[in-house]
C-alpha atoms as a PDB file:
ATOM      1  CA  MET A   1      18.358  -7.898 -25.356  1.00  0.00           C
ATOM      2  CA  ASN A   2      17.765  -4.206 -24.728  1.00  0.00           C
ATOM      3  CA  ASN A   3      19.190  -2.157 -21.926  1.00  0.00           C
ATOM      4  CA  LYS A   4      15.791  -1.844 -20.110  1.00  0.00           C
ATOM      5  CA  VAL A   5      15.382  -5.630 -19.852  1.00  0.00           C
ATOM      6  CA  GLU A   6      18.961  -6.024 -18.693  1.00  0.00           C
ATOM      7  CA  LEU A   7      18.498  -3.387 -16.003  1.00  0.00           C
ATOM      8  CA  GLU A   8      15.296  -5.011 -14.809  1.00  0.00           C
ATOM      9  CA  LYS A   9      17.154  -8.226 -14.393  1.00  0.00           C
ATOM     10  CA  GLN A  10      20.070  -6.604 -12.689  1.00  0.00           C
ATOM     11  CA  ILE A  11      17.809  -4.761 -10.289  1.00  0.00           C
ATOM     12  CA  GLU A  12      15.967  -8.027  -9.348  1.00  0.00           C
ATOM     13  CA  LYS A  13      19.250  -9.715  -8.820  1.00  0.00           C
ATOM     14  CA  LEU A  14      20.589  -6.948  -6.597  1.00  0.00           C
ATOM     15  CA  ARG A  15      17.346  -6.746  -4.697  1.00  0.00           C
ATOM     16  CA  LEU A  16      17.350 -10.516  -3.891  1.00  0.00           C
ATOM     17  CA  LYS A  17      21.107 -10.371  -3.000  1.00  0.00           C
ATOM     18  CA  LEU A  18      20.496  -7.377  -0.650  1.00  0.00           C
ATOM     19  CA  TYR A  19      17.701  -9.361   1.114  1.00  0.00           C
ATOM     20  CA  GLU A  20      19.803 -12.446   1.459  1.00  0.00           C
ATOM     21  CA  VAL A  21      22.852 -10.595   2.841  1.00  0.00           C
ATOM     22  CA  PHE A  22      20.664  -8.684   5.298  1.00  0.00           C
ATOM     23  CA  GLN A  23      19.060 -11.837   6.531  1.00  0.00           C
ATOM     24  CA  GLN A  24      22.408 -13.887   6.906  1.00  0.00           C
ATOM     25  CA  SER A  25      24.923 -11.232   7.875  1.00  0.00           C
ATOM     26  CA  SER A  26      25.510  -8.198   9.923  1.00  0.00           C
ATOM     27  CA  ASN A  27      28.193  -6.912   7.660  1.00  0.00           C
ATOM     28  CA  LYS A  28      26.966  -3.397   7.249  1.00  0.00           C
ATOM     29  CA  GLU A  29      29.624  -2.424   4.805  1.00  0.00           C
ATOM     30  CA  GLU A  30      28.496  -5.159   2.391  1.00  0.00           C
ATOM     31  CA  ILE A  31      24.840  -4.194   2.775  1.00  0.00           C
ATOM     32  CA  ILE A  32      25.622  -0.588   2.061  1.00  0.00           C
ATOM     33  CA  SER A  33      27.681  -1.505  -1.001  1.00  0.00           C
ATOM     34  CA  ILE A  34      24.885  -3.639  -2.449  1.00  0.00           C
ATOM     35  CA  SER A  35      22.277  -0.930  -1.607  1.00  0.00           C
ATOM     36  CA  GLN A  36      24.427   1.714  -3.431  1.00  0.00           C
ATOM     37  CA  LEU A  37      24.644  -0.622  -6.538  1.00  0.00           C
ATOM     38  CA  LEU A  38      20.901  -1.068  -6.367  1.00  0.00           C
ATOM     39  CA  ASP A  39      20.293   2.652  -6.146  1.00  0.00           C
ATOM     40  CA  GLU A  40      22.473   3.361  -9.156  1.00  0.00           C
ATOM     41  CA  ALA A  41      20.699   0.665 -11.101  1.00  0.00           C
ATOM     42  CA  LEU A  42      17.211   2.126 -10.159  1.00  0.00           C
ATOM     43  CA  ASN A  43      18.294   5.562 -11.134  1.00  0.00           C
ATOM     44  CA  SER A  44      19.529   4.339 -14.471  1.00  0.00           C
ATOM     45  CA  TYR A  45      16.177   2.513 -14.993  1.00  0.00           C
ATOM     46  CA  GLU A  46      14.198   5.616 -14.127  1.00  0.00           C
ATOM     47  CA  LYS A  47      16.042   7.522 -16.750  1.00  0.00           C
ATOM     48  CA  ILE A  48      15.193   5.042 -19.592  1.00  0.00           C
ATOM     49  CA  LYS A  49      11.979   3.413 -18.515  1.00  0.00           C
ATOM     50  CA  ASP A  50       9.623   5.674 -20.589  1.00  0.00           C
ATOM     51  CA  LYS A  51      11.803   5.501 -23.727  1.00  0.00           C
END
């Protein structure tokens, strides 16, 4: 599997996790941590999406 597809799956997984944690918890540190991971994944995806 190529890196683009793997990143797409990772982004979707993190997006769903962020939504679930936001709905179930008020743990701001966990929400921020997941959000930062999602940002990193999205930035990586932007760099390779047109290749």
